[in-house]
PDB file of N, CA and C in Angstrom:
ATOM      1  N   MET A   1      -4.824 -19.814  -3.462  1.00  0.00           N
ATOM      2  CA  MET A   1      -4.788 -18.410  -3.779  1.00  0.00           C
ATOM      3  C   MET A   1      -5.089 -18.222  -5.271  1.00  0.00           C
ATOM      4  N   LEU A   2      -5.902 -17.231  -5.535  1.00  0.00           N
ATOM      5  CA  LEU A   2      -6.274 -16.934  -6.914  1.00  0.00           C
ATOM      6  C   LEU A   2      -5.162 -16.239  -7.689  1.00  0.00           C
ATOM      7  N   ILE A   3      -4.342 -15.486  -6.986  1.00  0.00           N
ATOM      8  CA  ILE A   3      -3.266 -14.727  -7.599  1.00  0.00           C
ATOM      9  C   ILE A   3      -1.944 -15.167  -6.981  1.00  0.00           C
ATOM     10  N   GLY A   4      -1.007 -15.542  -7.822  1.00  0.00           N
ATOM     11  CA  GLY A   4       0.312 -15.905  -7.331  1.00  0.00           C
ATOM     12  C   GLY A   4       1.151 -14.672  -7.034  1.00  0.00           C
ATOM     13  N   LEU A   5       2.191 -14.851  -6.249  1.00  0.00           N
ATOM     14  CA  LEU A   5       3.054 -13.747  -5.856  1.00  0.00           C
ATOM     15  C   LEU A   5       3.670 -13.058  -7.069  1.00  0.00           C
ATOM     16  N   GLU A   6       4.170 -13.821  -8.013  1.00  0.00           N
ATOM     17  CA  GLU A   6       4.819 -13.225  -9.187  1.00  0.00           C
ATOM     18  C   GLU A   6       3.825 -12.442 -10.034  1.00  0.00           C
ATOM     19  N   GLU A   7       2.599 -12.944 -10.156  1.00  0.00           N
ATOM     20  CA  GLU A   7       1.581 -12.210 -10.899  1.00  0.00           C
ATOM     21  C   GLU A   7       1.240 -10.894 -10.203  1.00  0.00           C
ATOM     22  N   LEU A   8       1.127 -10.939  -8.886  1.00  0.00           N
ATOM     23  CA  LEU A   8       0.835  -9.727  -8.129  1.00  0.00           C
ATOM     24  C   LEU A   8       1.976  -8.725  -8.269  1.00  0.00           C
ATOM     25  N   LYS A   9       3.209  -9.193  -8.161  1.00  0.00           N
ATOM     26  CA  LYS A   9       4.354  -8.302  -8.306  1.00  0.00           C
ATOM     27  C   LYS A   9       4.396  -7.686  -9.699  1.00  0.00           C
ATOM     28  N   SER A  10       4.085  -8.461 -10.697  1.00  0.00           N
ATOM     29  CA  SER A  10       4.045  -7.945 -12.066  1.00  0.00           C
ATOM     30  C   SER A  10       2.962  -6.877 -12.201  1.00  0.00           C
ATOM     31  N   TYR A  11       1.790  -7.135 -11.642  1.00  0.00           N
ATOM     32  CA  TYR A  11       0.678  -6.181 -11.691  1.00  0.00           C
ATOM     33  C   TYR A  11       1.042  -4.868 -10.991  1.00  0.00           C
ATOM     34  N   LEU A  12       1.742  -4.994  -9.870  1.00  0.00           N
ATOM     35  CA  LEU A  12       2.153  -3.819  -9.098  1.00  0.00           C
ATOM     36  C   LEU A  12       3.448  -3.190  -9.622  1.00  0.00           C
ATOM     37  N   ARG A  13       4.049  -3.840 -10.606  1.00  0.00           N
ATOM     38  CA  ARG A  13       5.315  -3.391 -11.204  1.00  0.00           C
ATOM     39  C   ARG A  13       6.441  -3.329 -10.170  1.00  0.00           C
ATOM     40  N   ILE A  14       6.572  -4.432  -9.436  1.00  0.00           N
ATOM     41  CA  ILE A  14       7.614  -4.561  -8.420  1.00  0.00           C
ATOM     42  C   ILE A  14       8.605  -5.617  -8.901  1.00  0.00           C
ATOM     43  N   ASP A  15       9.880  -5.244  -8.957  1.00  0.00           N
ATOM     44  CA  ASP A  15      10.907  -6.169  -9.458  1.00  0.00           C
ATOM     45  C   ASP A  15      11.631  -6.930  -8.356  1.00  0.00           C
ATOM     46  N   GLY A  16      11.913  -6.294  -7.268  1.00  0.00           N
ATOM     47  CA  GLY A  16      12.710  -6.910  -6.211  1.00  0.00           C
ATOM     48  C   GLY A  16      11.916  -7.876  -5.354  1.00  0.00           C
ATOM     49  N   SER A  17      12.617  -8.463  -4.403  1.00  0.00           N
ATOM     50  CA  SER A  17      11.977  -9.434  -3.513  1.00  0.00           C
ATOM     51  C   SER A  17      11.924  -8.950  -2.064  1.00  0.00           C
ATOM     52  N   ASP A  18      12.303  -7.705  -1.833  1.00  0.00           N
ATOM     53  CA  ASP A  18      12.348  -7.174  -0.468  1.00  0.00           C
ATOM     54  C   ASP A  18      10.996  -7.202   0.223  1.00  0.00           C
ATOM     55  N   GLU A  19       9.931  -7.022  -0.530  1.00  0.00           N
ATOM     56  CA  GLU A  19       8.592  -6.935   0.058  1.00  0.00           C
ATOM     57  C   GLU A  19       7.764  -8.210  -0.136  1.00  0.00           C
ATOM     58  N   ASP A  20       8.383  -9.301  -0.504  1.00  0.00           N
ATOM     59  CA  ASP A  20       7.633 -10.523  -0.815  1.00  0.00           C
ATOM     60  C   ASP A  20       6.735 -10.973   0.333  1.00  0.00           C
ATOM     61  N   GLY A  21       7.250 -10.962   1.542  1.00  0.00           N
ATOM     62  CA  GLY A  21       6.441 -11.383   2.690  1.00  0.00           C
ATOM     63  C   GLY A  21       5.219 -10.499   2.867  1.00  0.00           C
ATOM     64  N   PHE A  22       5.435  -9.200   2.790  1.00  0.00           N
ATOM     65  CA  PHE A  22       4.330  -8.245   2.907  1.00  0.00           C
ATOM     66  C   PHE A  22       3.320  -8.456   1.784  1.00  0.00           C
ATOM     67  N   LEU A  23       3.802  -8.646   0.562  1.00  0.00           N
ATOM     68  CA  LEU A  23       2.913  -8.835  -0.583  1.00  0.00           C
ATOM     69  C   LEU A  23       2.098 -10.123  -0.467  1.00  0.00           C
ATOM     70  N   GLU A  24       2.687 -11.174   0.085  1.00  0.00           N
ATOM     71  CA  GLU A  24       1.942 -12.422   0.299  1.00  0.00           C
ATOM     72  C   GLU A  24       0.790 -12.187   1.272  1.00  0.00           C
ATOM     73  N   HIS A  25       1.047 -11.467   2.353  1.00  0.00           N
ATOM     74  CA  HIS A  25      -0.010 -11.153   3.320  1.00  0.00           C
ATOM     75  C   HIS A  25      -1.065 -10.238   2.705  1.00  0.00           C
ATOM     76  N   LEU A  26      -0.622  -9.288   1.934  1.00  0.00           N
ATOM     77  CA  LEU A  26      -1.533  -8.372   1.250  1.00  0.00           C
ATOM     78  C   LEU A  26      -2.437  -9.137   0.287  1.00  0.00           C
ATOM     79  N   ASN A  27      -1.859 -10.081  -0.431  1.00  0.00           N
ATOM     80  CA  ASN A  27      -2.607 -10.918  -1.367  1.00  0.00           C
ATOM     81  C   ASN A  27      -3.673 -11.733  -0.630  1.00  0.00           C
ATOM     82  N   GLU A  28      -3.298 -12.318   0.484  1.00  0.00           N
ATOM     83  CA  GLU A  28      -4.249 -13.095   1.292  1.00  0.00           C
ATOM     84  C   GLU A  28      -5.374 -12.204   1.817  1.00  0.00           C
ATOM     85  N   ALA A  29      -5.011 -11.029   2.303  1.00  0.00           N
ATOM     86  CA  ALA A  29      -6.019 -10.103   2.820  1.00  0.00           C
ATOM     87  C   ALA A  29      -6.960  -9.646   1.710  1.00  0.00           C
ATOM     88  N   ALA A  30      -6.429  -9.374   0.539  1.00  0.00           N
ATOM     89  CA  ALA A  30      -7.250  -8.930  -0.589  1.00  0.00           C
ATOM     90  C   ALA A  30      -8.236 -10.022  -1.005  1.00  0.00           C
ATOM     91  N   GLU A  31      -7.764 -11.258  -1.083  1.00  0.00           N
ATOM     92  CA  GLU A  31      -8.670 -12.346  -1.460  1.00  0.00           C
ATOM     93  C   GLU A  31      -9.727 -12.573  -0.391  1.00  0.00           C
ATOM     94  N   SER A  32      -9.336 -12.517   0.872  1.00  0.00           N
ATOM     95  CA  SER A  32     -10.292 -12.688   1.957  1.00  0.00           C
ATOM     96  C   SER A  32     -11.362 -11.598   1.921  1.00  0.00           C
ATOM     97  N   LEU A  33     -10.934 -10.364   1.706  1.00  0.00           N
ATOM     98  CA  LEU A  33     -11.866  -9.246   1.622  1.00  0.00           C
ATOM     99  C   LEU A  33     -12.835  -9.436   0.461  1.00  0.00           C
ATOM    100  N   CYS A  34     -12.322  -9.828  -0.689  1.00  0.00           N
ATOM    101  CA  CYS A  34     -13.185 -10.052  -1.856  1.00  0.00           C
ATOM    102  C   CYS A  34     -14.163 -11.193  -1.617  1.00  0.00           C
ATOM    103  N   ARG A  35     -13.702 -12.264  -1.001  1.00  0.00           N
ATOM    104  CA  ARG A  35     -14.599 -13.389  -0.709  1.00  0.00           C
ATOM    105  C   ARG A  35     -15.690 -12.966   0.278  1.00  0.00           C
ATOM    106  N   ASP A  36     -15.323 -12.185   1.262  1.00  0.00           N
ATOM    107  CA  ASP A  36     -16.312 -11.705   2.231  1.00  0.00           C
ATOM    108  C   ASP A  36     -17.354 -10.824   1.553  1.00  0.00           C
ATOM    109  N   ILE A  37     -16.911  -9.911   0.734  1.00  0.00           N
ATOM    110  CA  ILE A  37     -17.845  -9.009   0.066  1.00  0.00           C
ATOM    111  C   ILE A  37     -18.733  -9.764  -0.913  1.00  0.00           C
ATOM    112  N   ALA A  38     -18.157 -10.758  -1.611  1.00  0.00           N
ATOM    113  CA  ALA A  38     -18.943 -11.553  -2.571  1.00  0.00           C
ATOM    114  C   ALA A  38     -19.728 -12.676  -1.894  1.00  0.00           C
ATOM    115  N   ARG A  39     -19.510 -12.842  -0.599  1.00  0.00           N
ATOM    116  CA  ARG A  39     -20.175 -13.907   0.168  1.00  0.00           C
ATOM    117  C   ARG A  39     -19.905 -15.288  -0.427  1.00  0.00           C
ATOM    118  N   ILE A  40     -18.646 -15.533  -0.754  1.00  0.00           N
ATOM    119  CA  ILE A  40     -18.238 -16.811  -1.329  1.00  0.00           C
ATOM    120  C   ILE A  40     -17.222 -17.448  -0.393  1.00  0.00           C
ATOM    121  N   ASP A  41     -17.584 -18.620   0.111  1.00  0.00           N
ATOM    122  CA  ASP A  41     -16.721 -19.313   1.065  1.00  0.00           C
ATOM    123  C   ASP A  41     -16.388 -20.719   0.581  1.00  0.00           C
ATOM    124  N   GLY A  42     -16.162 -20.875  -0.675  1.00  0.00           N
ATOM    125  CA  GLY A  42     -15.864 -22.204  -1.188  1.00  0.00           C
ATOM    126  C   GLY A  42     -15.351 -22.100  -2.606  1.00  0.00           C
ATOM    127  N   GLU A  43     -15.651 -23.142  -3.354  1.00  0.00           N
ATOM    128  CA  GLU A  43     -15.203 -23.189  -4.736  1.00  0.00           C
ATOM    129  C   GLU A  43     -15.872 -22.115  -5.570  1.00  0.00           C
ATOM    130  N   LEU A  44     -15.150 -21.646  -6.550  1.00  0.00           N
ATOM    131  CA  LEU A  44     -15.648 -20.631  -7.472  1.00  0.00           C
ATOM    132  C   LEU A  44     -15.898 -21.262  -8.832  1.00  0.00           C
ATOM    133  N   ASP A  45     -16.960 -20.815  -9.500  1.00  0.00           N
ATOM    134  CA  ASP A  45     -17.150 -21.292 -10.868  1.00  0.00           C
ATOM    135  C   ASP A  45     -16.266 -20.449 -11.789  1.00  0.00           C
ATOM    136  N   GLU A  46     -16.238 -20.798 -13.071  1.00  0.00           N
ATOM    137  CA  GLU A  46     -15.338 -20.155 -14.022  1.00  0.00           C
ATOM    138  C   GLU A  46     -15.549 -18.640 -14.095  1.00  0.00           C
ATOM    139  N   ASN A  47     -16.781 -18.201 -14.137  1.00  0.00           N
ATOM    140  CA  ASN A  47     -17.079 -16.768 -14.198  1.00  0.00           C
ATOM    141  C   ASN A  47     -16.664 -16.073 -12.909  1.00  0.00           C
ATOM    142  N   GLU A  48     -16.928 -16.697 -11.778  1.00  0.00           N
ATOM    143  CA  GLU A  48     -16.560 -16.113 -10.491  1.00  0.00           C
ATOM    144  C   GLU A  48     -15.049 -15.930 -10.377  1.00  0.00           C
ATOM    145  N   VAL A  49     -14.293 -16.898 -10.886  1.00  0.00           N
ATOM    146  CA  VAL A  49     -12.826 -16.803 -10.835  1.00  0.00           C
ATOM    147  C   VAL A  49     -12.350 -15.576 -11.599  1.00  0.00           C
ATOM    148  N   LYS A  50     -12.894 -15.363 -12.780  1.00  0.00           N
ATOM    149  CA  LYS A  50     -12.471 -14.222 -13.601  1.00  0.00           C
ATOM    150  C   LYS A  50     -12.729 -12.905 -12.876  1.00  0.00           C
ATOM    151  N   VAL A  51     -13.917 -12.750 -12.341  1.00  0.00           N
ATOM    152  CA  VAL A  51     -14.276 -11.503 -11.657  1.00  0.00           C
ATOM    153  C   VAL A  51     -13.499 -11.365 -10.348  1.00  0.00           C
ATOM    154  N   MET A  52     -13.390 -12.441  -9.613  1.00  0.00           N
ATOM    155  CA  MET A  52     -12.700 -12.404  -8.327  1.00  0.00           C
ATOM    156  C   MET A  52     -11.218 -12.054  -8.506  1.00  0.00           C
ATOM    157  N   ARG A  53     -10.582 -12.555  -9.548  1.00  0.00           N
ATOM    158  CA  ARG A  53      -9.173 -12.240  -9.795  1.00  0.00           C
ATOM    159  C   ARG A  53      -8.981 -10.735  -9.984  1.00  0.00           C
ATOM    160  N   ILE A  54      -9.878 -10.105 -10.740  1.00  0.00           N
ATOM    161  CA  ILE A  54      -9.805  -8.664 -10.935  1.00  0.00           C
ATOM    162  C   ILE A  54      -9.983  -7.935  -9.598  1.00  0.00           C
ATOM    163  N   GLY A  55     -10.938  -8.415  -8.804  1.00  0.00           N
ATOM    164  CA  GLY A  55     -11.169  -7.819  -7.492  1.00  0.00           C
ATOM    165  C   GLY A  55      -9.960  -7.928  -6.585  1.00  0.00           C
ATOM    166  N   VAL A  56      -9.328  -9.083  -6.578  1.00  0.00           N
ATOM    167  CA  VAL A  56      -8.155  -9.287  -5.722  1.00  0.00           C
ATOM    168  C   VAL A  56      -7.010  -8.372  -6.161  1.00  0.00           C
ATOM    169  N   LEU A  57      -6.768  -8.300  -7.445  1.00  0.00           N
ATOM    170  CA  LEU A  57      -5.707  -7.415  -7.938  1.00  0.00           C
ATOM    171  C   LEU A  57      -6.014  -5.958  -7.594  1.00  0.00           C
ATOM    172  N   PHE A  58      -7.264  -5.550  -7.787  1.00  0.00           N
ATOM    173  CA  PHE A  58      -7.662  -4.179  -7.460  1.00  0.00           C
ATOM    174  C   PHE A  58      -7.464  -3.901  -5.972  1.00  0.00           C
ATOM    175  N   ALA A  59      -7.942  -4.803  -5.131  1.00  0.00           N
ATOM    176  CA  ALA A  59      -7.842  -4.610  -3.679  1.00  0.00           C
ATOM    177  C   ALA A  59      -6.387  -4.585  -3.223  1.00  0.00           C
ATOM    178  N   ALA A  60      -5.594  -5.513  -3.722  1.00  0.00           N
ATOM    179  CA  ALA A  60      -4.180  -5.553  -3.325  1.00  0.00           C
ATOM    180  C   ALA A  60      -3.457  -4.283  -3.769  1.00  0.00           C
ATOM    181  N   ALA A  61      -3.731  -3.831  -4.998  1.00  0.00           N
ATOM    182  CA  ALA A  61      -3.086  -2.616  -5.499  1.00  0.00           C
ATOM    183  C   ALA A  61      -3.510  -1.406  -4.667  1.00  0.00           C
ATOM    184  N   TYR A  62      -4.794  -1.321  -4.347  1.00  0.00           N
ATOM    185  CA  TYR A  62      -5.286  -0.200  -3.543  1.00  0.00           C
ATOM    186  C   TYR A  62      -4.617  -0.196  -2.169  1.00  0.00           C
ATOM    187  N   MET A  63      -4.603  -1.352  -1.521  1.00  0.00           N
ATOM    188  CA  MET A  63      -4.011  -1.417  -0.183  1.00  0.00           C
ATOM    189  C   MET A  63      -2.510  -1.156  -0.223  1.00  0.00           C
ATOM    190  N   TYR A  64      -1.841  -1.577  -1.292  1.00  0.00           N
ATOM    191  CA  TYR A  64      -0.405  -1.333  -1.419  1.00  0.00           C
ATOM    192  C   TYR A  64      -0.128   0.154  -1.639  1.00  0.00           C
ATOM    193  N   GLU A  65      -0.825   0.742  -2.570  1.00  0.00           N
ATOM    194  CA  GLU A  65      -0.589   2.142  -2.922  1.00  0.00           C
ATOM    195  C   GLU A  65      -1.038   3.112  -1.833  1.00  0.00           C
ATOM    196  N   HIS A  66      -2.035   2.731  -1.052  1.00  0.00           N
ATOM    197  CA  HIS A  66      -2.595   3.622  -0.027  1.00  0.00           C
ATOM    198  C   HIS A  66      -2.362   3.087   1.387  1.00  0.00           C
ATOM    199  N   ARG A  67      -1.294   2.378   1.585  1.00  0.00           N
ATOM    200  CA  ARG A  67      -1.089   1.717   2.881  1.00  0.00           C
ATOM    201  C   ARG A  67      -0.959   2.691   4.042  1.00  0.00           C
ATOM    202  N   GLU A  68      -0.598   3.913   3.767  1.00  0.00           N
ATOM    203  CA  GLU A  68      -0.473   4.905   4.836  1.00  0.00           C
ATOM    204  C   GLU A  68      -1.776   5.643   5.117  1.00  0.00           C
ATOM    205  N   GLU A  69      -2.653   5.767   4.113  1.00  0.00           N
ATOM    206  CA  GLU A  69      -3.871   6.556   4.287  1.00  0.00           C
ATOM    207  C   GLU A  69      -5.060   5.909   3.581  1.00  0.00           C
ATOM    208  N   ALA A  70      -5.172   4.610   3.632  1.00  0.00           N
ATOM    209  CA  ALA A  70      -6.242   3.895   2.930  1.00  0.00           C
ATOM    210  C   ALA A  70      -7.620   4.251   3.490  1.00  0.00           C
ATOM    211  N   ASP A  71      -8.552   4.406   2.576  1.00  0.00           N
ATOM    212  CA  ASP A  71      -9.953   4.614   2.930  1.00  0.00           C
ATOM    213  C   ASP A  71     -10.655   3.283   2.679  1.00  0.00           C
ATOM    214  N   HIS A  72     -10.753   2.463   3.718  1.00  0.00           N
ATOM    215  CA  HIS A  72     -11.269   1.112   3.551  1.00  0.00           C
ATOM    216  C   HIS A  72     -12.762   1.101   3.227  1.00  0.00           C
ATOM    217  N   THR A  73     -13.472   2.129   3.616  1.00  0.00           N
ATOM    218  CA  THR A  73     -14.884   2.220   3.235  1.00  0.00           C
ATOM    219  C   THR A  73     -14.996   2.412   1.730  1.00  0.00           C
ATOM    220  N   LYS A  74     -14.181   3.287   1.188  1.00  0.00           N
ATOM    221  CA  LYS A  74     -14.165   3.510  -0.260  1.00  0.00           C
ATOM    222  C   LYS A  74     -13.768   2.233  -0.989  1.00  0.00           C
ATOM    223  N   LEU A  75     -12.762   1.540  -0.484  1.00  0.00           N
ATOM    224  CA  LEU A  75     -12.331   0.279  -1.088  1.00  0.00           C
ATOM    225  C   LEU A  75     -13.461  -0.739  -1.069  1.00  0.00           C
ATOM    226  N   ALA A  76     -14.121  -0.894   0.067  1.00  0.00           N
ATOM    227  CA  ALA A  76     -15.214  -1.865   0.190  1.00  0.00           C
ATOM    228  C   ALA A  76     -16.363  -1.530  -0.761  1.00  0.00           C
ATOM    229  N   LEU A  77     -16.694  -0.254  -0.887  1.00  0.00           N
ATOM    230  CA  LEU A  77     -17.769   0.141  -1.806  1.00  0.00           C
ATOM    231  C   LEU A  77     -17.387  -0.137  -3.256  1.00  0.00           C
ATOM    232  N   SER A  78     -16.141   0.122  -3.614  1.00  0.00           N
ATOM    233  CA  SER A  78     -15.675  -0.172  -4.970  1.00  0.00           C
ATOM    234  C   SER A  78     -15.716  -1.665  -5.241  1.00  0.00           C
ATOM    235  N   LEU A  79     -15.256  -2.458  -4.279  1.00  0.00           N
ATOM    236  CA  LEU A  79     -15.274  -3.912  -4.450  1.00  0.00           C
ATOM    237  C   LEU A  79     -16.706  -4.445  -4.513  1.00  0.00           C
ATOM    238  N   ARG A  80     -17.582  -3.887  -3.711  1.00  0.00           N
ATOM    239  CA  ARG A  80     -18.984  -4.314  -3.742  1.00  0.00           C
ATOM    240  C   ARG A  80     -19.563  -4.092  -5.139  1.00  0.00           C
ATOM    241  N   SER A  81     -19.263  -2.955  -5.739  1.00  0.00           N
ATOM    242  CA  SER A  81     -19.735  -2.680  -7.097  1.00  0.00           C
ATOM    243  C   SER A  81     -19.116  -3.641  -8.098  1.00  0.00           C
ATOM    244  N   LEU A  82     -17.819  -3.890  -7.981  1.00  0.00           N
ATOM    245  CA  LEU A  82     -17.119  -4.779  -8.893  1.00  0.00           C
ATOM    246  C   LEU A  82     -17.607  -6.224  -8.781  1.00  0.00           C
ATOM    247  N   LEU A  83     -17.848  -6.666  -7.555  1.00  0.00           N
ATOM    248  CA  LEU A  83     -18.190  -8.071  -7.302  1.00  0.00           C
ATOM    249  C   LEU A  83     -19.693  -8.326  -7.249  1.00  0.00           C
ATOM    250  N   PHE A  84     -20.502  -7.298  -7.448  1.00  0.00           N
ATOM    251  CA  PHE A  84     -21.950  -7.423  -7.311  1.00  0.00           C
ATOM    252  C   PHE A  84     -22.525  -8.559  -8.163  1.00  0.00           C
ATOM    253  N   GLY A  85     -22.041  -8.718  -9.366  1.00  0.00           N
ATOM    254  CA  GLY A  85     -22.554  -9.739 -10.274  1.00  0.00           C
ATOM    255  C   GLY A  85     -22.346 -11.174  -9.824  1.00  0.00           C
ATOM    256  N   ILE A  86     -21.362 -11.390  -8.966  1.00  0.00           N
ATOM    257  CA  ILE A  86     -21.107 -12.756  -8.483  1.00  0.00           C
ATOM    258  C   ILE A  86     -21.459 -12.920  -7.015  1.00  0.00           C
ATOM    259  N   ARG A  87     -21.950 -11.858  -6.409  1.00  0.00           N
ATOM    260  CA  ARG A  87     -22.262 -11.915  -4.971  1.00  0.00           C
ATOM    261  C   ARG A  87     -23.369 -12.925  -4.713  1.00  0.00           C
ATOM    262  N   ARG A  88     -23.146 -13.788  -3.763  1.00  0.00           N
ATOM    263  CA  ARG A  88     -24.118 -14.817  -3.407  1.00  0.00           C
ATOM    264  C   ARG A  88     -25.036 -14.294  -2.308  1.00  0.00           C
ATOM    265  N   GLY A  89     -26.272 -14.748  -2.356  1.00  0.00           N
ATOM    266  CA  GLY A  89     -27.273 -14.271  -1.398  1.00  0.00           C
ATOM    267  C   GLY A  89     -27.190 -14.896  -0.039  1.00  0.00           C
ATOM    268  N   ASP A  90     -26.685 -16.110   0.033  1.00  0.00           N
ATOM    269  CA  ASP A  90     -26.668 -16.779   1.334  1.00  0.00           C
ATOM    270  C   ASP A  90     -25.438 -16.362   2.130  1.00  0.00           C
ATOM    271  N   HIS A  91     -25.543 -16.439   3.418  1.00  0.00           N
ATOM    272  CA  HIS A  91     -24.443 -16.102   4.306  1.00  0.00           C
ATOM    273  C   HIS A  91     -23.740 -17.386   4.718  1.00  0.00           C
ATOM    274  N   PHE A  92     -22.451 -17.288   4.997  1.00  0.00           N
ATOM    275  CA  PHE A  92     -21.711 -18.457   5.471  1.00  0.00           C
ATOM    276  C   PHE A  92     -21.357 -18.322   6.905  1.00  0.00           C
TER     277      PHE A  92
END
Protein backbone atom coordinates (compact mmCIF):
# COMPACT_ATOMS: atom_id res chain seq x y z
CA MET A 1 0.00 0.00 0.00
CA LEU A 2 1.23 3.44 -0.91
CA ILE A 3 -0.52 5.12 2.01
CA GLY A 4 -0.51 3.75 5.53
CA LEU A 5 -3.58 3.84 7.75
CA GLU A 6 -2.14 6.44 10.12
CA GLU A 7 -1.15 8.72 7.24
CA LEU A 8 -4.64 8.44 5.76
CA LYS A 9 -6.24 9.16 9.13
CA SER A 10 -4.00 12.18 9.58
CA TYR A 11 -4.90 13.45 6.09
CA LEU A 12 -8.61 12.99 6.83
CA ARG A 13 -8.16 14.48 10.32
CA ILE A 14 -9.54 11.42 12.07
CA ASP A 15 -8.31 10.75 15.61
CA GLY A 16 -10.22 7.68 16.76
CA SER A 17 -9.98 4.09 15.67
CA ASP A 18 -13.69 3.34 15.24
CA GLU A 19 -13.49 3.51 11.45
CA ASP A 20 -10.10 1.84 10.95
CA GLY A 21 -11.52 -1.18 9.13
CA PHE A 22 -13.56 0.99 6.80
CA LEU A 23 -10.59 3.30 6.18
CA GLU A 24 -8.34 0.34 5.30
CA HIS A 25 -10.86 -0.81 2.69
CA LEU A 26 -11.28 2.73 1.43
CA ASN A 27 -7.50 3.05 1.10
CA GLU A 28 -7.31 -0.19 -0.90
CA ALA A 29 -10.17 0.89 -3.15
CA ALA A 30 -8.58 4.30 -3.74
CA GLU A 31 -5.23 2.79 -4.70
CA SER A 32 -6.89 0.23 -6.96
CA LEU A 33 -8.90 2.96 -8.67
CA CYS A 34 -5.80 5.10 -9.19
CA ARG A 35 -3.82 2.16 -10.57
CA ASP A 36 -6.64 1.32 -12.96
CA ILE A 37 -6.93 4.88 -14.21
CA ALA A 38 -3.13 5.22 -14.55
CA ARG A 39 -2.94 1.76 -16.15
CA ILE A 40 -0.20 0.69 -13.74
CA ASP A 41 -0.21 -2.90 -12.58
CA GLY A 42 3.22 -3.29 -11.07
CA GLU A 43 6.13 -1.42 -9.63
CA LEU A 44 6.10 2.35 -9.68
CA ASP A 45 9.08 4.55 -10.40
CA GLU A 46 9.95 7.43 -8.07
CA ASN A 47 7.90 10.02 -9.97
CA GLU A 48 4.91 7.69 -10.27
CA VAL A 49 4.93 7.09 -6.51
CA LYS A 50 4.76 10.82 -5.78
CA VAL A 51 1.84 11.41 -8.13
CA MET A 52 0.04 8.20 -7.22
CA ARG A 53 0.20 9.02 -3.48
CA ILE A 54 -1.57 12.33 -4.12
CA GLY A 55 -4.17 10.52 -6.22
CA VAL A 56 -4.81 7.92 -3.54
CA LEU A 57 -5.22 10.54 -0.83
CA PHE A 58 -7.54 12.58 -3.06
CA ALA A 59 -9.64 9.54 -3.99
CA ALA A 60 -9.87 8.26 -0.42
CA ALA A 61 -10.83 11.71 0.89
CA TYR A 62 -13.46 12.14 -1.84
CA MET A 63 -14.99 8.73 -1.19
CA TYR A 64 -14.94 9.31 2.57
CA GLU A 65 -16.48 12.77 2.45
CA HIS A 66 -19.07 11.85 -0.20
CA ARG A 67 -19.84 8.29 0.80
CA GLU A 68 -23.58 8.94 0.77
CA GLU A 69 -23.79 10.81 -2.55
CA ALA A 70 -20.50 10.26 -4.39
CA ASP A 71 -20.32 11.13 -8.06
CA HIS A 72 -17.89 8.46 -9.23
CA THR A 73 -17.81 9.81 -12.77
CA LYS A 74 -16.63 13.16 -11.44
CA LEU A 75 -14.06 11.40 -9.25
CA ALA A 76 -12.77 9.33 -12.17
CA LEU A 77 -12.46 12.41 -14.40
CA SER A 78 -10.57 14.29 -11.68
CA LEU A 79 -8.23 11.35 -11.13
CA ARG A 80 -7.69 10.95 -14.87
CA SER A 81 -6.57 14.59 -15.03
CA LEU A 82 -4.36 14.21 -11.96
CA LEU A 83 -2.77 10.95 -13.09
CA PHE A 84 -2.52 11.78 -16.81
CA GLY A 85 1.22 12.46 -16.62
CA ILE A 86 2.01 8.96 -15.36
CA ARG A 87 -0.67 7.08 -17.27
CA ARG A 88 0.80 4.18 -19.20
CA GLY A 89 -0.30 3.40 -22.73
CA ASP A 90 -0.35 -0.35 -22.52
CA HIS A 91 -3.20 -2.30 -21.01
CA PHE A 92 -2.75 -5.03 -18.42
